[in-house]
Protein backbone atom coordinates (compact mmCIF):
# COMPACT_ATOMS: atom_id res chain seq x y z
CA UNK A 1 24.48 155.53 105.83
CA UNK A 2 25.42 152.21 105.06
CA UNK A 3 29.17 151.48 104.47
CA UNK A 4 29.96 149.45 101.55
CA UNK A 5 32.92 146.92 101.36
CA UNK A 6 35.49 147.65 99.51
CA UNK A 7 38.33 144.02 98.07
CA UNK A 8 41.64 145.33 97.85
CA UNK A 9 44.18 143.15 95.86
CA UNK A 10 47.18 143.65 98.07
CA UNK A 11 51.12 142.74 96.81
CA UNK A 12 54.15 141.99 97.89
CA UNK A 13 57.06 143.72 96.14
CA UNK A 14 60.43 141.60 97.24
CA UNK A 15 62.77 143.51 96.02
CA UNK A 16 61.68 146.77 98.14
CA UNK A 17 60.43 144.59 100.94
CA UNK A 18 57.05 146.30 101.23
CA UNK A 19 53.28 145.64 100.77
CA UNK A 20 50.86 147.79 98.30
CA UNK A 21 47.35 148.23 97.04
CA UNK A 22 47.24 146.80 93.68
CA UNK A 23 43.83 148.36 93.61
CA UNK A 24 39.94 148.24 95.35
CA UNK A 25 37.14 146.77 93.83
CA UNK A 26 33.38 146.45 94.66
CA UNK A 27 32.64 142.78 94.68
CA UNK A 28 35.13 139.36 95.94
CA UNK A 29 34.73 138.12 92.45
CA UNK A 30 36.12 141.14 90.66
CA UNK A 31 39.01 141.74 93.13
CA UNK A 32 40.23 137.49 92.09
CA UNK A 33 39.98 138.08 88.49
CA UNK A 34 41.78 141.59 88.66
CA UNK A 35 44.23 139.41 91.04
CA UNK A 36 44.39 136.14 88.55
CA UNK A 37 45.13 138.42 85.21
CA UNK A 38 47.86 140.71 87.44
CA UNK A 39 49.45 136.61 88.81
CA UNK A 40 50.37 135.60 84.94
CA UNK A 41 52.90 138.48 84.64
CA UNK A 42 56.08 137.22 84.79
CA UNK A 43 57.49 139.10 87.55
CA UNK A 44 54.33 138.95 89.32
CA UNK A 45 54.75 139.54 93.32
CA UNK A 46 52.74 137.96 96.30
CA UNK A 47 49.18 138.75 96.15
CA UNK A 48 46.76 138.35 98.07
CA UNK A 49 42.69 139.22 98.93
CA UNK A 50 42.09 141.44 102.09
CA UNK A 51 38.74 142.95 102.52
CA UNK A 52 38.13 147.15 103.74
CA UNK A 53 35.20 148.09 105.47
C-alpha cells in the first residue's frame, strides 16, 4: 500500500494562542489556493502549509 502525502493548511489563533488545522488537501497547489483565499479575510490569522505523510 502506497502512502499518499497530504498538505495541511495550518493557522495560529493569536487570541487563543493555539494552532489549528484549516484543512487537509491532496496537492500543494490546492492547499496554497485555499490558504490564499483564507488570508484575504479581514481578520486572518497567521497561516502556513505543512506536509503530512
